[in-house]
Protein backbone atom coordinates (compact mmCIF):
# COMPACT_ATOMS: atom_id res chain seq x y z
CA MET A 1 24.14 -120.25 -38.69
CA GLU A 2 26.89 -119.79 -41.30
CA ILE A 3 25.84 -116.90 -43.84
CA SER A 4 25.52 -118.78 -47.00
CA ARG A 5 23.66 -121.54 -45.43
CA TYR A 6 21.36 -119.05 -43.57
CA VAL A 7 20.31 -117.21 -46.74
CA ALA A 8 19.67 -120.39 -48.62
CA ARG A 9 16.35 -120.49 -47.13
CA TYR A 10 15.41 -117.16 -48.70
CA GLN A 11 14.40 -116.03 -52.12
CA ARG A 12 16.02 -113.36 -53.92
CA ASP A 13 12.74 -111.95 -55.10
CA CYS A 14 9.20 -111.76 -53.71
CA PRO A 15 6.66 -114.01 -55.37
CA GLU A 16 3.78 -112.19 -57.05
CA HIS A 17 0.92 -111.69 -54.80
CA GLU A 18 -2.31 -109.54 -54.62
CA ARG A 19 -2.81 -106.53 -52.39
CA LEU A 20 -5.26 -106.92 -49.45
CA SER A 21 -6.45 -103.19 -49.81
CA THR A 22 -7.84 -101.00 -52.69
CA GLY A 23 -7.66 -98.32 -50.66
CA PHE A 24 -5.76 -94.97 -50.66
CA THR A 25 -2.65 -96.77 -49.18
CA SER A 26 -2.42 -99.58 -51.44
CA ALA A 27 -0.51 -97.87 -54.25
CA LEU A 28 2.18 -96.20 -51.49
CA ALA A 29 2.35 -99.67 -50.08
CA ALA A 30 3.43 -101.22 -53.25
CA GLU A 31 6.14 -98.72 -53.68
CA ALA A 32 7.32 -99.47 -50.28
CA GLU A 33 7.39 -103.12 -50.83
CA GLN A 34 9.31 -102.50 -54.09
CA GLN A 35 11.76 -100.42 -52.40
CA GLY A 36 12.10 -102.77 -49.68
CA MET A 37 12.88 -105.55 -52.06
CA VAL A 38 15.90 -103.53 -53.65
CA TRP A 39 17.51 -103.79 -50.29
CA GLY A 40 16.72 -107.55 -49.99
CA ARG A 41 18.46 -108.21 -53.34
CA LEU A 42 21.32 -106.38 -52.23
CA LEU A 43 21.50 -108.33 -48.70
CA HIS A 44 20.82 -111.77 -50.69
CA ASP A 45 23.84 -111.17 -53.05
CA TRP A 46 25.94 -110.25 -50.41
CA MET A 47 25.26 -113.16 -48.16
CA ARG A 48 25.04 -115.78 -51.01
CA ASP A 49 27.86 -114.70 -52.98
CA GLY A 50 29.95 -112.03 -51.35
CA ILE A 51 28.84 -109.32 -53.87
CA ALA A 52 28.61 -105.71 -52.64
CA PRO A 53 27.54 -102.61 -54.63
CA GLN A 54 30.07 -100.26 -55.70
CA PRO A 55 30.68 -97.46 -53.01
CA GLU A 56 29.70 -94.53 -55.33
CA GLU A 57 26.41 -96.66 -56.48
CA PHE A 58 25.50 -97.55 -53.09
CA ALA A 59 26.00 -93.68 -52.06
CA THR A 60 23.87 -92.69 -54.71
CA HIS A 61 21.07 -95.04 -53.92
CA CYS A 62 21.16 -94.11 -50.28
CA VAL A 63 20.57 -90.40 -51.61
CA THR A 64 17.42 -91.35 -54.03
CA TYR A 65 16.16 -93.61 -51.48
CA LEU A 66 15.77 -91.21 -48.56
CA GLN A 67 14.52 -88.76 -51.13
CA TRP A 68 11.67 -91.44 -51.92
CA TYR A 69 11.07 -91.90 -48.43
CA GLN A 70 10.74 -88.24 -47.61
CA ARG A 71 8.38 -88.02 -50.47
CA VAL A 72 6.13 -91.11 -49.88
CA SER A 73 6.00 -90.01 -46.14
CA ALA A 74 4.64 -86.83 -46.83
CA GLU A 75 1.92 -88.19 -49.30
CA LEU A 76 0.94 -90.99 -46.83
CA LEU A 77 0.42 -87.93 -44.26
CA ALA A 78 -1.76 -85.94 -46.67
CA ALA A 79 -3.78 -88.82 -47.71
CA SER A 80 -4.33 -90.05 -44.11
CA ASP A 81 -5.45 -86.32 -43.20
CA ALA A 82 -7.67 -86.24 -46.28
CA HIS A 83 -9.29 -89.57 -45.73
CA GLY A 84 -9.44 -89.47 -41.65
CA ASP A 85 -9.77 -92.63 -39.57
CA ASP A 86 -12.92 -93.48 -40.82
CA GLU A 87 -11.50 -95.82 -43.73
CA ALA A 88 -8.73 -97.28 -41.55
CA ASP A 89 -9.76 -100.87 -42.00
CA ASP A 90 -7.25 -104.26 -41.31
CA ALA A 91 -6.34 -104.28 -45.03
CA MET A 92 -4.98 -100.68 -44.68
CA LEU A 93 -3.47 -100.97 -41.50
CA HIS A 94 -1.75 -104.26 -43.16
CA ASP A 95 -0.66 -101.92 -45.69
CA LEU A 96 0.92 -99.46 -43.54
CA THR A 97 3.29 -102.15 -42.24
CA ALA A 98 5.13 -102.17 -45.38
CA PHE A 99 6.39 -98.96 -44.09
CA SER A 100 7.90 -100.38 -40.96
CA PHE A 101 10.88 -101.74 -42.72
CA HIS A 102 11.67 -98.29 -44.02
CA ARG A 103 11.26 -96.53 -40.78
CA LEU A 104 14.04 -98.43 -39.36
CA ASN A 105 16.08 -98.82 -42.39
CA THR A 106 16.13 -95.01 -43.00
CA ARG A 107 18.12 -94.95 -39.56
CA SER A 108 20.47 -97.77 -40.46
CA LEU A 109 22.14 -96.73 -43.77
CA GLY A 110 25.47 -96.41 -42.13
CA LEU A 111 25.12 -100.02 -40.68
CA TRP A 112 24.54 -101.41 -44.42
CA ARG A 113 27.55 -99.67 -45.51
CA GLN A 114 29.51 -101.05 -42.65
CA LEU A 115 28.12 -104.49 -43.93
CA PHE A 116 29.42 -104.08 -47.45
CA TYR A 117 32.63 -102.22 -46.87
CA GLY A 118 33.74 -102.76 -43.26
CA ASP A 119 35.63 -99.19 -43.32
CA LEU A 120 34.52 -97.78 -39.87
CA ASP A 121 36.46 -98.38 -36.66
CA GLN A 122 34.80 -99.22 -33.36
CA ALA A 123 34.72 -95.46 -32.44
CA ALA A 124 33.08 -94.33 -35.62
CA LEU A 125 30.61 -97.30 -35.34
CA ARG A 126 29.43 -96.36 -31.85
CA ALA A 127 28.86 -92.81 -33.09
CA LEU A 128 26.79 -94.12 -35.77
CA VAL A 129 24.87 -96.14 -33.14
CA ASP A 130 24.15 -93.55 -31.09
CA GLN A 131 22.62 -91.34 -33.82
CA ALA A 132 20.56 -94.08 -34.95
CA ARG A 133 19.32 -94.69 -31.50
CA PHE A 134 18.64 -90.95 -31.06
CA GLU A 135 16.75 -90.84 -34.13
CA LEU A 136 14.65 -94.16 -33.52
CA SER A 137 14.02 -92.84 -30.13
CA THR A 138 12.53 -89.73 -31.57
CA ASP A 139 10.33 -91.72 -33.80
CA VAL A 140 9.25 -93.75 -30.76
CA MET A 141 7.97 -90.38 -28.96
CA LEU A 142 6.12 -89.52 -32.20
CA PHE A 143 4.10 -92.64 -32.27
CA ALA A 144 3.89 -93.19 -28.67
CA GLN A 145 2.22 -89.88 -28.26
CA VAL A 146 -0.33 -90.58 -30.81
CA ARG A 147 -1.01 -93.85 -29.07
CA GLU A 148 -1.37 -92.29 -25.79
CA MET A 149 -3.86 -89.50 -27.12
CA THR A 150 -5.91 -92.27 -28.94
CA LEU A 151 -5.97 -94.85 -26.16
CA GLY A 152 -5.59 -92.59 -22.99
CA ASP A 153 -5.32 -93.99 -19.89
CA ILE A 154 -7.59 -96.75 -20.49
CA ALA A 155 -6.49 -99.92 -22.33
CA GLY A 156 -10.06 -100.51 -23.99
CA GLU A 157 -10.94 -103.60 -25.58
CA ASP A 158 -13.54 -102.61 -28.07
CA GLU A 159 -13.02 -103.56 -31.76
CA GLU A 160 -11.67 -100.30 -33.12
CA GLN A 161 -9.36 -99.85 -30.12
CA HIS A 162 -8.19 -103.39 -29.99
CA ARG A 163 -7.24 -103.07 -33.91
CA PHE A 164 -5.34 -99.89 -33.60
CA ARG A 165 -3.61 -100.95 -30.25
CA ALA A 166 -2.39 -104.11 -31.91
CA TRP A 167 -0.87 -102.34 -34.85
CA HIS A 168 0.65 -99.60 -32.79
CA THR A 169 1.99 -102.06 -30.39
CA GLY A 170 3.75 -104.02 -32.85
CA MET A 171 5.16 -100.88 -34.62
CA LEU A 172 6.63 -99.55 -31.29
CA THR A 173 7.84 -102.85 -30.32
CA GLU A 174 9.93 -103.09 -33.23
CA ILE A 175 11.46 -99.79 -32.68
CA ASP A 176 12.30 -100.47 -29.19
CA ALA A 177 13.89 -103.74 -30.06
CA CYS A 178 15.70 -102.14 -32.73
CA ILE A 179 17.40 -99.58 -30.08
CA ALA A 180 18.15 -102.26 -27.59
CA LEU A 181 19.55 -104.71 -30.21
CA LEU A 182 21.94 -102.05 -31.38
CA GLU A 183 23.81 -102.68 -28.10
CA ALA A 184 25.26 -105.83 -29.79
CA THR A 185 26.91 -103.55 -32.47
CA ARG A 186 28.17 -100.88 -30.06
CA SER A 187 30.01 -103.56 -28.18
CA ASP A 188 31.57 -105.33 -31.27
CA ALA A 189 31.82 -103.79 -34.64
CA HIS A 190 31.59 -106.92 -36.23
CA VAL A 191 28.11 -107.67 -35.14
CA LEU A 192 25.67 -105.88 -37.33
CA VAL A 193 22.00 -105.44 -36.63
CA LEU A 194 19.67 -104.54 -39.66
CA PRO A 195 15.91 -104.46 -40.21
CA ALA A 196 14.76 -107.36 -42.45
CA PRO A 197 13.84 -106.69 -46.01
CA PRO A 198 10.53 -108.07 -47.42
CA GLN A 199 12.24 -111.40 -48.78
CA PHE A 200 13.39 -112.24 -45.01
CA GLU A 201 10.33 -111.06 -43.59
CA ARG A 202 6.65 -111.38 -44.62
CA PHE A 203 7.69 -113.60 -47.63
CA ALA A 204 9.80 -116.05 -45.70
CA GLY A 205 7.45 -118.30 -43.99
CA GLU A 206 8.39 -119.94 -40.84
CA ALA A 207 12.08 -118.43 -41.34
CA ASN A 208 10.44 -114.82 -41.03
CA ALA A 209 12.63 -112.36 -39.07
CA ASP A 210 11.86 -108.58 -38.08
CA MET A 211 15.39 -108.09 -37.74
CA LEU A 212 18.96 -109.62 -38.70
CA VAL A 213 21.95 -109.63 -36.73
CA ILE A 214 25.13 -110.44 -38.85
CA ASP A 215 28.47 -111.28 -37.40
CA THR A 216 30.82 -110.37 -40.23
CA ALA A 217 34.08 -111.67 -38.59
CA ALA A 218 32.66 -115.31 -37.79
CA ARG A 219 30.36 -115.22 -40.93
CA GLN A 220 27.26 -116.28 -38.77
CA ALA A 221 23.54 -114.72 -39.26
CA ILE A 222 20.52 -115.15 -37.18
CA GLY A 223 17.09 -113.79 -37.33
CA VAL A 224 15.21 -112.14 -34.61
CA GLN A 225 11.23 -112.20 -34.41
CA ILE A 226 9.86 -109.57 -32.32
CA LYS A 227 6.44 -110.18 -30.45
CA ALA A 228 4.79 -107.65 -28.15
CA SER A 229 4.11 -110.22 -25.33
CA HIS A 230 4.93 -113.84 -24.65
CA ALA A 231 1.86 -115.24 -26.41
CA TRP A 232 4.53 -116.19 -29.20
CA GLN A 233 5.07 -119.10 -26.82
CA SER A 234 2.36 -121.09 -27.98
CA VAL A 235 3.40 -120.65 -31.57
CA GLU A 236 5.85 -123.51 -32.69
CA ARG A 237 5.74 -122.41 -36.58
CA TYR A 238 8.97 -120.75 -36.87
CA ASP A 239 12.34 -122.20 -38.03
CA ARG A 240 14.38 -122.07 -34.60
CA ARG A 241 17.49 -122.76 -36.39
CA ARG A 242 17.30 -119.30 -38.02
CA ILE A 243 14.97 -117.46 -35.75
CA VAL A 244 15.10 -116.33 -32.03
CA MET A 245 12.22 -114.95 -30.22
CA LEU A 246 12.31 -111.29 -28.49
CA ASP A 247 9.64 -110.75 -26.20
CA GLY A 248 8.47 -107.13 -25.59
CA ILE A 249 7.47 -107.81 -22.11
CA GLU A 250 9.91 -110.16 -20.84
CA ASP A 251 12.90 -108.83 -22.67
CA LEU A 252 12.23 -105.15 -23.52
CA GLN A 253 10.42 -104.84 -20.00
CA ASN A 254 7.71 -102.64 -21.94
CA SER A 255 4.78 -102.88 -19.73
CA ARG A 256 2.49 -100.73 -17.40
CA ALA A 257 -0.54 -101.25 -15.36
CA MET A 258 -3.65 -99.66 -16.79
CA ARG A 259 -7.28 -99.67 -16.57
CA THR A 260 -8.99 -101.93 -19.16
CA ASP A 261 -12.69 -100.94 -18.51
CA PRO A 262 -13.77 -97.45 -18.04
CA ARG A 263 -16.37 -98.66 -15.43
CA ARG A 264 -13.84 -100.13 -13.11
CA SER A 265 -10.63 -98.89 -11.24
CA ALA A 266 -9.06 -102.27 -11.31
CA ARG A 267 -5.81 -102.21 -13.23
CA ARG A 268 -4.02 -105.08 -15.09
CA THR A 269 -0.41 -105.37 -16.80
CA VAL A 270 -0.63 -104.53 -20.37
CA SER A 271 1.96 -104.38 -23.18
CA TRP A 272 3.10 -100.63 -23.43
CA PRO A 273 5.89 -100.17 -25.90
CA GLY A 274 7.91 -96.85 -26.40
CA LEU A 275 9.48 -97.18 -22.63
CA VAL A 276 12.94 -98.14 -24.18
CA GLY A 277 12.94 -95.22 -26.57
CA ALA A 278 11.37 -92.81 -24.03
CA HIS A 279 13.96 -93.65 -21.07
CA TYR A 280 16.87 -93.49 -23.70
CA LEU A 281 15.87 -90.00 -24.71
CA ARG A 282 15.24 -88.82 -21.13
CA THR A 283 18.58 -89.77 -19.88
CA LEU A 284 20.48 -88.35 -22.69
CA PRO A 285 22.12 -84.87 -21.67
CA VAL A 286 20.77 -81.72 -23.39
CA GLN A 287 24.14 -80.47 -24.14
CA ARG A 288 25.05 -84.04 -26.00
CA ILE A 289 21.87 -83.97 -28.00
CA GLN A 290 22.12 -80.20 -28.95
CA SER A 291 25.70 -80.42 -29.91
CA ARG A 292 25.18 -83.50 -32.28
CA TRP A 293 21.66 -83.69 -33.49
CA VAL A 294 18.89 -80.91 -32.69
CA THR A 295 18.44 -77.49 -31.34
CA ARG A 296 18.16 -76.93 -27.59
CA ARG A 297 14.87 -76.27 -27.82
CA GLN A 298 13.90 -79.02 -29.55
CA ALA A 299 16.37 -81.15 -27.41
CA LEU A 300 14.36 -80.00 -24.04
CA ASN A 301 11.11 -80.44 -25.52
CA LEU A 302 11.85 -84.26 -26.51
CA LYS A 303 13.23 -84.79 -23.06
CA LEU A 304 10.09 -83.49 -21.43
CA ALA A 305 8.02 -85.55 -23.76
CA ALA A 306 10.06 -88.72 -22.64
CA ARG A 307 9.61 -87.77 -18.97
CA HIS A 308 5.74 -87.42 -19.42
CA TYR A 309 5.54 -90.70 -21.31
CA VAL A 310 7.46 -92.83 -18.75
CA GLY A 311 6.05 -91.33 -15.69
CA GLN A 312 7.01 -93.48 -12.75
CA ILE A 313 7.87 -96.33 -14.78
CA ALA A 314 11.41 -97.32 -13.64
CA ASP A 315 14.44 -97.14 -16.27
CA ARG A 316 15.50 -100.83 -17.00
CA ASN A 317 17.29 -99.97 -20.32
CA ALA A 318 20.86 -101.17 -18.94
CA GLN A 319 19.28 -104.42 -18.20
CA VAL A 320 17.26 -104.58 -21.33
CA PHE A 321 20.45 -103.68 -23.54
CA ASP A 322 22.48 -106.37 -21.92
CA ARG A 323 19.81 -108.99 -22.28
CA CYS A 324 19.11 -108.13 -25.97
CA ARG A 325 22.96 -108.43 -26.72
CA ARG A 326 23.31 -111.67 -25.03
CA LEU A 327 20.08 -112.97 -26.74
CA VAL A 328 21.53 -112.37 -30.07
CA LEU A 329 25.05 -113.56 -29.28
CA GLN A 330 23.99 -116.70 -27.79
CA ALA A 331 21.96 -117.45 -30.86
CA LEU A 332 24.89 -116.47 -33.09
CA GLN A 333 27.04 -118.88 -31.41
CA ALA A 334 24.64 -121.74 -30.97
CA PRO A 335 24.93 -124.92 -32.93
CA GLU A 336 22.87 -125.17 -36.14
CA SER A 337 21.21 -128.15 -35.03
CA ALA A 338 20.09 -126.66 -31.75
CA GLY A 339 16.68 -124.78 -31.18
CA LEU A 340 16.86 -121.34 -30.13
CA ALA A 341 15.26 -119.66 -27.11
CA VAL A 342 14.90 -116.17 -25.32
CA ALA A 343 17.81 -114.99 -22.79
CA GLY A 344 17.50 -116.11 -19.61
């Protein structure tokens, strides 16, 4: 959909609302929401009126934003250690989803700059995408290891495990999806993939997007709603002119066979995100990682963790990247009156 028509559905500012939780995560989540709204206003102004911040102003904002994220992440970790898991109810897990945008966004600042100023050539943009993918993959390994330690080799179905599994699955699926969708940017410098700020996500109703894909040359935009499994097929509440669905199992190939009952040896296929990021790390040459991003020891440890996580599960990233690229390109090119579907 043409950019100015696309953004017309979204508010520049989020409506007033009450927080679900009064726990230790509430104040931090409120901060995260306010920070996310700043990015939403920047995006709304650019899409509606073509207004971009001055380069110096934007550079300063990025510095202070990263400083905020590092501070609040440390506070959240300290609070989690102090309170433990006993207080982690549904409302607190909902609070923590406010940080999902920032986790992706801190890896995407160069893409925002490209959106506003378009001053990178294809080679520079590919290097930017490679760095973002590496950083996102290290995030995947951090959260995947926590998930694996918590759930083990059994996909249990008791209430506590189900709640944690659902939250963790959604978070990891979004990171994997971002890694895969960046193939569109790596192939075409005009097609930019960005996490959706709150105005375009949790406050957008049926136009709710997790990611946004913008073709700056064709002046087209589409939102991507990411689901861990094909359960979304029974949900018709999305604005299919503005939203394309991405399925964690079908499109990202994020599944594995697991036991669901400790008393039985039978296994069934379940959603198991993190495979895209783990396979991406597993196949990166150590020398390339060492020369660009981290030390050799860190590179070896990351690759070892990635190999452990994927085990014997086949690497399908080439197909996944191509599928996700085609998914969003087809959606960008679709007539505005047409409904959007998953890639075939």
